[in-house]
């Protein structure tokens, strides 16, 4: 031991050190550290300790001093060491942030980790740490659409007011159409879901017709009146309005929330509204069809019924997508968060041509 240093080991520490050495699960680095202290307590010299433990003199001295300063617990803990690589300074982070906020070189549209690492002279992991620390995600973009409707605020308040505080003795319907619903049949059957593997589905497909779903959702109870038609002109829209007119009880006024599709503003549609005074159309602002609540029903229909389904050829002229829409509208039972659906019969002319 170094001159001027005195190592004193208590009986309790000796028992703990011996138990540490005898335990087969003890890490080897803890074993030879304990052996250094035990040999020192027995009066063994430094050279003999070096020979028995196969450690250098500085190593023996280091752990003798560690035991003197910190006791038994000091043998079980390594002191932190400085990194071999110097940490990046603030200038490097500022340079990466400045480059990220600028235009990428060449014809690339956005910065990547590899591209930024090459430009800044850093590693990809360093670039990613800097981006993470500053909340930068150059690979992501958020789309937006600004409405240029001069009456945006008035229409917004009108539509939201119907949702929040509907008129008494009235029915508020969110009306829209979902066009080009495709009945896609996969060329080969997919494999089912199993542990460690997702369900499979072929990329190529065969299309067995399309249909357009007209839907009117009651914003109060979530019930949906739906009808499939082959096209989505103003003629089909008027036919759908007649369906709604028959199903809504007499004496109820009808407030319909519709978007700015041309078929909804056709002169024949306006004439139909004049002949049915209990109807009132409320138009969403331009480029703001997201205000129409029935869009949520269409999203549910796409995600849960049509996007991952496979529809074989139909023996009739009616496309399988029509049957799928009608099945979804008629068979879904009420559940929290989902609309209650009702069905109207499809038109005789719906479907693809034979």
Protein backbone atom coordinates (compact mmCIF):
# COMPACT_ATOMS: atom_id res chain seq x y z
CA UNK A 1 0.00 0.00 0.00
CA UNK A 2 1.15 3.53 -0.61
CA UNK A 3 3.19 5.11 2.17
CA UNK A 4 1.10 7.26 4.48
CA UNK A 5 -2.05 5.21 3.88
CA UNK A 6 -3.54 2.95 6.56
CA UNK A 7 -6.13 0.31 5.67
CA UNK A 8 -8.29 -0.91 8.54
CA UNK A 9 -10.83 -3.69 7.90
CA UNK A 10 -13.50 -4.46 10.48
CA UNK A 11 -14.74 -7.97 11.23
CA UNK A 12 -18.08 -7.21 9.59
CA UNK A 13 -16.34 -6.03 6.41
CA UNK A 14 -14.21 -9.18 6.34
CA UNK A 15 -17.36 -11.33 6.47
CA UNK A 16 -18.93 -9.36 3.65
CA UNK A 17 -15.78 -9.51 1.54
CA UNK A 18 -15.45 -13.28 2.00
CA UNK A 19 -19.11 -13.79 1.14
CA UNK A 20 -18.60 -11.71 -1.98
CA UNK A 21 -15.63 -13.84 -3.06
CA UNK A 22 -17.42 -17.13 -2.41
CA UNK A 23 -20.60 -16.21 -4.23
CA UNK A 24 -20.54 -17.80 -7.69
CA UNK A 25 -22.83 -15.09 -9.09
CA UNK A 26 -20.50 -12.23 -8.14
CA UNK A 27 -18.90 -10.41 -11.11
CA UNK A 28 -15.20 -11.16 -11.40
CA UNK A 29 -14.18 -7.54 -11.11
CA UNK A 30 -15.82 -7.43 -7.67
CA UNK A 31 -14.09 -10.67 -6.69
CA UNK A 32 -10.54 -9.53 -7.33
CA UNK A 33 -11.21 -6.15 -5.72
CA UNK A 34 -12.37 -7.94 -2.55
CA UNK A 35 -9.34 -10.22 -2.71
CA UNK A 36 -7.02 -7.19 -2.82
CA UNK A 37 -8.58 -5.84 0.39
CA UNK A 38 -8.56 -9.23 2.13
CA UNK A 39 -4.91 -9.86 1.27
CA UNK A 40 -4.00 -6.38 2.46
CA UNK A 41 -5.83 -7.02 5.75
CA UNK A 42 -3.80 -10.23 6.16
CA UNK A 43 -0.56 -8.23 5.86
CA UNK A 44 0.41 -9.50 2.39
CA UNK A 45 2.75 -7.15 0.57
CA UNK A 46 1.96 -5.30 -2.63
CA UNK A 47 4.15 -7.47 -4.87
CA UNK A 48 2.55 -10.67 -3.57
CA UNK A 49 -0.93 -9.17 -4.08
CA UNK A 50 0.07 -8.31 -7.64
CA UNK A 51 1.19 -11.89 -8.23
CA UNK A 52 -1.93 -13.51 -6.75
CA UNK A 53 -4.48 -11.23 -8.43
CA UNK A 54 -2.57 -10.63 -11.68
CA UNK A 55 -3.10 -6.88 -11.37
CA UNK A 56 -0.72 -3.96 -11.71
CA UNK A 57 0.67 -1.98 -8.81
CA UNK A 58 -1.39 1.11 -9.64
CA UNK A 59 -4.53 -1.04 -9.76
CA UNK A 60 -3.80 -2.55 -6.33
CA UNK A 61 -3.13 0.88 -4.88
CA UNK A 62 -6.29 2.33 -6.49
CA UNK A 63 -8.65 -0.19 -4.85
CA UNK A 64 -6.88 -0.05 -1.52
CA UNK A 65 -7.41 3.71 -1.48
CA UNK A 66 -11.01 3.30 -2.68
CA UNK A 67 -11.75 1.02 0.28
CA UNK A 68 -10.14 3.47 2.71
CA UNK A 69 -12.23 6.35 1.31
CA UNK A 70 -15.60 4.69 0.59
CA UNK A 71 -15.58 1.35 2.38
CA UNK A 72 -17.16 -1.85 1.12
CA UNK A 73 -19.69 -0.12 -1.16
CA UNK A 74 -16.89 1.67 -2.99
CA UNK A 75 -15.63 -1.67 -4.36
CA UNK A 76 -18.96 -2.30 -6.09
CA UNK A 77 -19.15 1.02 -7.93
CA UNK A 78 -17.06 2.24 -10.85
CA UNK A 79 -16.33 5.91 -11.14
CA UNK A 80 -17.51 7.63 -14.28
CA UNK A 81 -14.94 8.07 -17.00
CA UNK A 82 -14.80 10.83 -19.56
CA UNK A 83 -15.93 9.93 -23.06
CA UNK A 84 -13.27 9.12 -25.60
CA UNK A 85 -15.08 11.41 -28.04
CA UNK A 86 -15.37 15.04 -27.11
CA UNK A 87 -18.97 16.23 -26.83
CA UNK A 88 -20.30 18.43 -29.59
CA UNK A 89 -20.25 22.08 -28.78
CA UNK A 90 -23.05 24.59 -29.13
CA UNK A 91 -21.59 25.80 -32.43
CA UNK A 92 -22.15 22.40 -34.07
CA UNK A 93 -25.75 22.29 -32.91
CA UNK A 94 -26.36 25.83 -34.14
CA UNK A 95 -24.86 24.97 -37.52
CA UNK A 96 -27.10 21.91 -37.89
CA UNK A 97 -30.20 23.86 -36.88
CA UNK A 98 -29.37 26.68 -39.30
CA UNK A 99 -28.84 24.24 -42.17
CA UNK A 100 -32.06 22.41 -41.34
CA UNK A 101 -34.10 25.60 -41.47
CA UNK A 102 -32.60 26.43 -44.87
CA UNK A 103 -33.02 24.82 -48.25
CA UNK A 104 -31.36 21.43 -48.86
CA UNK A 105 -28.71 21.25 -51.59
CA UNK A 106 -29.48 20.22 -55.14
CA UNK A 107 -32.97 19.13 -56.13
CA UNK A 108 -33.85 17.36 -52.89
CA UNK A 109 -37.05 18.45 -51.20
CA UNK A 110 -36.03 17.98 -47.55
CA UNK A 111 -33.07 17.15 -45.35
CA UNK A 112 -32.31 13.58 -44.36
CA UNK A 113 -30.03 12.38 -41.57
CA UNK A 114 -27.40 11.11 -44.02
CA UNK A 115 -27.53 14.29 -46.11
CA UNK A 116 -27.22 16.55 -43.06
CA UNK A 117 -24.39 14.45 -41.60
CA UNK A 118 -22.44 14.84 -44.83
CA UNK A 119 -23.08 18.59 -45.02
CA UNK A 120 -22.28 19.27 -41.36
CA UNK A 121 -19.39 16.84 -41.03
CA UNK A 122 -21.02 14.93 -38.18
CA UNK A 123 -22.33 11.43 -37.64
CA UNK A 124 -25.94 10.56 -38.44
CA UNK A 125 -26.64 9.78 -34.77
CA UNK A 126 -25.31 13.21 -33.74
CA UNK A 127 -27.56 14.92 -36.28
CA UNK A 128 -30.54 12.95 -35.03
CA UNK A 129 -29.79 13.88 -31.41
CA UNK A 130 -29.61 17.56 -32.33
CA UNK A 131 -32.86 17.37 -34.26
CA UNK A 132 -34.54 15.57 -31.37
CA UNK A 133 -33.30 18.13 -28.85
CA UNK A 134 -34.61 21.02 -30.94
CA UNK A 135 -37.87 19.34 -31.97
CA UNK A 136 -37.01 19.33 -35.69
CA UNK A 137 -38.51 16.74 -38.06
CA UNK A 138 -37.56 17.79 -41.60
CA UNK A 139 -39.00 14.60 -43.12
CA UNK A 140 -42.52 15.46 -41.98
CA UNK A 141 -44.93 17.99 -43.47
CA UNK A 142 -48.42 18.97 -42.42
CA UNK A 143 -50.95 19.79 -45.11
CA UNK A 144 -53.38 22.64 -44.70
CA UNK A 145 -56.15 24.28 -46.68
CA UNK A 146 -57.32 27.84 -46.21
CA UNK A 147 -60.90 28.64 -47.08
CA UNK A 148 -61.40 31.71 -49.26
CA UNK A 149 -65.10 31.89 -48.45
CA UNK A 150 -65.92 35.50 -47.48
CA UNK A 151 -68.78 34.22 -45.30
CA UNK A 152 -66.68 31.57 -43.58
CA UNK A 153 -67.43 32.73 -40.02
CA UNK A 154 -71.18 33.05 -40.61
CA UNK A 155 -71.43 29.59 -42.17
CA UNK A 156 -69.26 28.09 -39.46
CA UNK A 157 -71.45 29.48 -36.71
CA UNK A 158 -74.57 28.35 -38.57
CA UNK A 159 -73.40 24.73 -38.92
CA UNK A 160 -71.87 24.43 -35.45
CA UNK A 161 -74.99 26.00 -33.98
CA UNK A 162 -77.09 23.19 -35.48
CA UNK A 163 -74.79 20.64 -33.85
CA UNK A 164 -74.70 22.29 -30.44
CA UNK A 165 -78.25 23.63 -30.19
CA UNK A 166 -80.57 22.11 -32.83
CA UNK A 167 -83.97 23.76 -33.32
CA UNK A 168 -87.00 22.37 -31.54
CA UNK A 169 -89.36 20.07 -33.45
CA UNK A 170 -86.76 19.68 -36.19
CA UNK A 171 -84.37 17.06 -37.51
CA UNK A 172 -80.79 18.01 -38.38
CA UNK A 173 -79.28 15.79 -41.09
CA UNK A 174 -75.70 15.74 -42.27
CA UNK A 175 -75.97 14.87 -45.96
CA UNK A 176 -73.26 13.95 -48.44
CA UNK A 177 -72.29 11.32 -50.98
CA UNK A 178 -69.27 9.02 -51.17
CA UNK A 179 -68.49 8.33 -54.80
CA UNK A 180 -66.36 5.69 -56.51
CA UNK A 181 -66.70 2.98 -53.88
CA UNK A 182 -64.88 0.10 -55.55
CA UNK A 183 -65.56 -3.62 -55.22
CA UNK A 184 -62.01 -4.97 -55.43
CA UNK A 185 -61.33 -8.69 -55.62
CA UNK A 186 -57.77 -9.80 -54.82
CA UNK A 187 -56.16 -12.11 -57.35
CA UNK A 188 -55.17 -14.61 -54.65
CA UNK A 189 -56.56 -15.33 -51.18
CA UNK A 190 -54.56 -13.80 -48.35
CA UNK A 191 -53.17 -15.53 -45.31
CA UNK A 192 -54.81 -14.94 -41.91
CA UNK A 193 -53.22 -13.18 -38.99
CA UNK A 194 -50.94 -15.29 -36.81
CA UNK A 195 -48.34 -14.74 -34.12
CA UNK A 196 -45.34 -12.96 -35.59
CA UNK A 197 -47.01 -12.28 -38.96
CA UNK A 198 -49.59 -9.79 -40.13
CA UNK A 199 -52.45 -10.79 -42.38
CA UNK A 200 -51.52 -10.72 -46.05
CA UNK A 201 -53.28 -9.34 -49.11
CA UNK A 202 -52.11 -9.23 -52.72
CA UNK A 203 -51.24 -5.87 -54.22
CA UNK A 204 -52.97 -6.48 -57.56
CA UNK A 205 -56.74 -6.76 -57.84
CA UNK A 206 -59.72 -7.04 -60.17
CA UNK A 207 -62.49 -4.47 -59.93
CA UNK A 208 -66.09 -5.66 -59.98
CA UNK A 209 -67.89 -2.37 -60.36
CA UNK A 210 -68.28 0.86 -58.40
CA UNK A 211 -71.13 2.60 -56.65
CA UNK A 212 -71.95 5.93 -55.02
CA UNK A 213 -73.35 5.97 -51.50
CA UNK A 214 -75.70 8.81 -50.57
CA UNK A 215 -76.01 9.12 -46.80
CA UNK A 216 -77.91 11.36 -44.38
CA UNK A 217 -76.92 11.09 -40.73
CA UNK A 218 -79.13 12.32 -37.94
CA UNK A 219 -76.73 14.34 -35.80
CA UNK A 220 -78.89 13.82 -32.70
CA UNK A 221 -78.95 9.98 -32.51
CA UNK A 222 -76.45 8.93 -35.20
CA UNK A 223 -78.95 7.02 -37.38
CA UNK A 224 -78.07 6.98 -41.08
CA UNK A 225 -80.32 6.82 -44.11
CA UNK A 226 -78.32 5.47 -47.03
CA UNK A 227 -78.89 4.67 -50.67
CA UNK A 228 -76.54 3.38 -53.35
CA UNK A 229 -76.72 4.81 -56.86
CA UNK A 230 -74.63 4.40 -59.96
CA UNK A 231 -73.93 8.10 -60.46
CA UNK A 232 -73.92 11.23 -58.34
CA UNK A 233 -75.60 13.93 -60.42
CA UNK A 234 -78.35 16.28 -59.30
CA UNK A 235 -80.96 13.76 -60.54
CA UNK A 236 -79.69 11.12 -58.10
CA UNK A 237 -79.45 13.70 -55.34
CA UNK A 238 -83.10 14.65 -55.80
CA UNK A 239 -84.10 10.98 -55.73
CA UNK A 240 -82.24 10.64 -52.43
CA UNK A 241 -83.98 13.72 -51.05
CA UNK A 242 -87.31 12.06 -51.90
CA UNK A 243 -86.21 8.99 -49.92
CA UNK A 244 -85.47 11.15 -46.90
CA UNK A 245 -88.72 13.04 -47.32
CA UNK A 246 -90.70 9.79 -47.08
CA UNK A 247 -88.85 8.54 -44.00
CA UNK A 248 -88.95 11.72 -41.90
CA UNK A 249 -92.24 11.97 -39.96
CA UNK A 250 -94.65 14.69 -41.09
CA UNK A 251 -94.67 17.87 -39.08
CA UNK A 252 -90.89 17.83 -38.58
CA UNK A 253 -88.81 20.53 -40.22
CA UNK A 254 -85.58 19.29 -41.81
CA UNK A 255 -82.27 21.13 -41.64
CA UNK A 256 -79.75 19.55 -44.02
CA UNK A 257 -76.04 20.30 -43.76
CA UNK A 258 -74.47 19.92 -47.22
CA UNK A 259 -71.22 20.93 -48.89
CA UNK A 260 -70.74 23.10 -51.96
CA UNK A 261 -70.87 20.31 -54.56
CA UNK A 262 -72.49 21.59 -57.78
CA UNK A 263 -75.26 18.98 -57.66
CA UNK A 264 -76.43 20.43 -54.34
CA UNK A 265 -76.93 23.89 -55.89
CA UNK A 266 -78.45 22.84 -59.20
CA UNK A 267 -81.53 24.84 -60.27
CA UNK A 268 -83.65 21.66 -60.20
CA UNK A 269 -82.57 21.09 -56.60
CA UNK A 270 -83.51 24.65 -55.71
CA UNK A 271 -86.87 24.08 -57.35
CA UNK A 272 -87.34 20.92 -55.31
CA UNK A 273 -86.63 22.90 -52.13
CA UNK A 274 -89.26 25.47 -53.09
CA UNK A 275 -91.81 22.67 -53.44
CA UNK A 276 -90.84 21.27 -50.02
CA UNK A 277 -90.88 24.25 -47.65
CA UNK A 278 -90.00 22.23 -44.54
CA UNK A 279 -86.49 21.73 -45.92
CA UNK A 280 -83.62 24.16 -45.27
CA UNK A 281 -80.10 23.71 -46.65
CA UNK A 282 -77.11 24.89 -44.62
CA UNK A 283 -73.94 24.99 -46.72
CA UNK A 284 -70.52 24.44 -45.20
CA UNK A 285 -67.87 27.04 -46.05
CA UNK A 286 -65.81 26.54 -49.17
CA UNK A 287 -62.99 24.01 -48.67
CA UNK A 288 -64.42 23.07 -45.25
CA UNK A 289 -66.32 19.85 -45.86
CA UNK A 290 -64.73 18.54 -42.64
CA UNK A 291 -67.54 20.39 -40.86
CA UNK A 292 -69.99 17.84 -42.24
CA UNK A 293 -70.45 15.16 -39.59
CA UNK A 294 -71.31 12.42 -42.09
CA UNK A 295 -67.69 12.47 -43.24
CA UNK A 296 -66.85 10.58 -40.04
CA UNK A 297 -69.31 7.85 -41.03
CA UNK A 298 -67.69 7.59 -44.47
CA UNK A 299 -64.28 7.25 -42.82
CA UNK A 300 -65.57 4.44 -40.60
CA UNK A 301 -67.10 2.71 -43.60
CA UNK A 302 -63.82 2.89 -45.52
CA UNK A 303 -61.58 1.73 -42.66
CA UNK A 304 -63.75 -1.08 -41.32
CA UNK A 305 -65.50 -2.44 -44.39
CA UNK A 306 -64.08 -1.58 -47.80
CA UNK A 307 -60.35 -0.84 -47.57
CA UNK A 308 -59.18 -4.35 -46.58
CA UNK A 309 -62.12 -6.39 -47.91
CA UNK A 310 -62.23 -8.59 -50.99
CA UNK A 311 -65.36 -8.78 -53.15
CA UNK A 312 -65.83 -11.50 -55.72
CA UNK A 313 -67.89 -11.20 -58.91
CA UNK A 314 -71.62 -10.77 -58.41
CA UNK A 315 -74.12 -12.95 -60.33
CA UNK A 316 -76.35 -9.89 -60.83
CA UNK A 317 -75.73 -6.55 -62.42
CA UNK A 318 -75.47 -4.93 -58.97
CA UNK A 319 -71.82 -4.43 -57.96
CA UNK A 320 -70.58 -6.08 -54.81
CA UNK A 321 -69.61 -2.67 -53.40
CA UNK A 322 -73.32 -1.80 -53.36
CA UNK A 323 -74.11 -4.95 -51.42
CA UNK A 324 -71.24 -4.23 -49.03
CA UNK A 325 -72.50 -0.71 -48.32
CA UNK A 326 -76.05 -1.90 -47.78
CA UNK A 327 -74.83 -4.69 -45.50
CA UNK A 328 -72.82 -2.26 -43.42
CA UNK A 329 -75.74 0.16 -43.17
CA UNK A 330 -78.27 -2.52 -42.23
CA UNK A 331 -76.31 -4.90 -39.98
CA UNK A 332 -74.33 -2.69 -37.63
CA UNK A 333 -75.78 -2.68 -34.13
CA UNK A 334 -75.73 0.35 -31.82
CA UNK A 335 -72.52 0.73 -29.87
CA UNK A 336 -70.75 3.61 -28.14
CA UNK A 337 -69.00 5.89 -30.58
CA UNK A 338 -70.61 4.35 -33.68
CA UNK A 339 -73.70 5.60 -35.54
CA UNK A 340 -76.93 3.60 -35.53
CA UNK A 341 -77.65 2.75 -39.14
CA UNK A 342 -80.81 2.20 -41.13
CA UNK A 343 -81.16 1.11 -44.73
CA UNK A 344 -83.22 2.10 -47.73
CA UNK A 345 -83.49 -0.28 -50.65
CA UNK A 346 -81.10 0.32 -53.56
CA UNK A 347 -82.49 1.61 -56.85
CA UNK A 348 -83.28 -0.86 -59.58
CA UNK A 349 -80.75 0.72 -61.88
CA UNK A 350 -77.86 0.67 -59.41
CA UNK A 351 -74.82 -1.31 -60.45
CA UNK A 352 -72.56 -1.84 -63.39
CA UNK A 353 -73.85 -2.63 -66.83
CA UNK A 354 -74.05 -6.31 -67.75
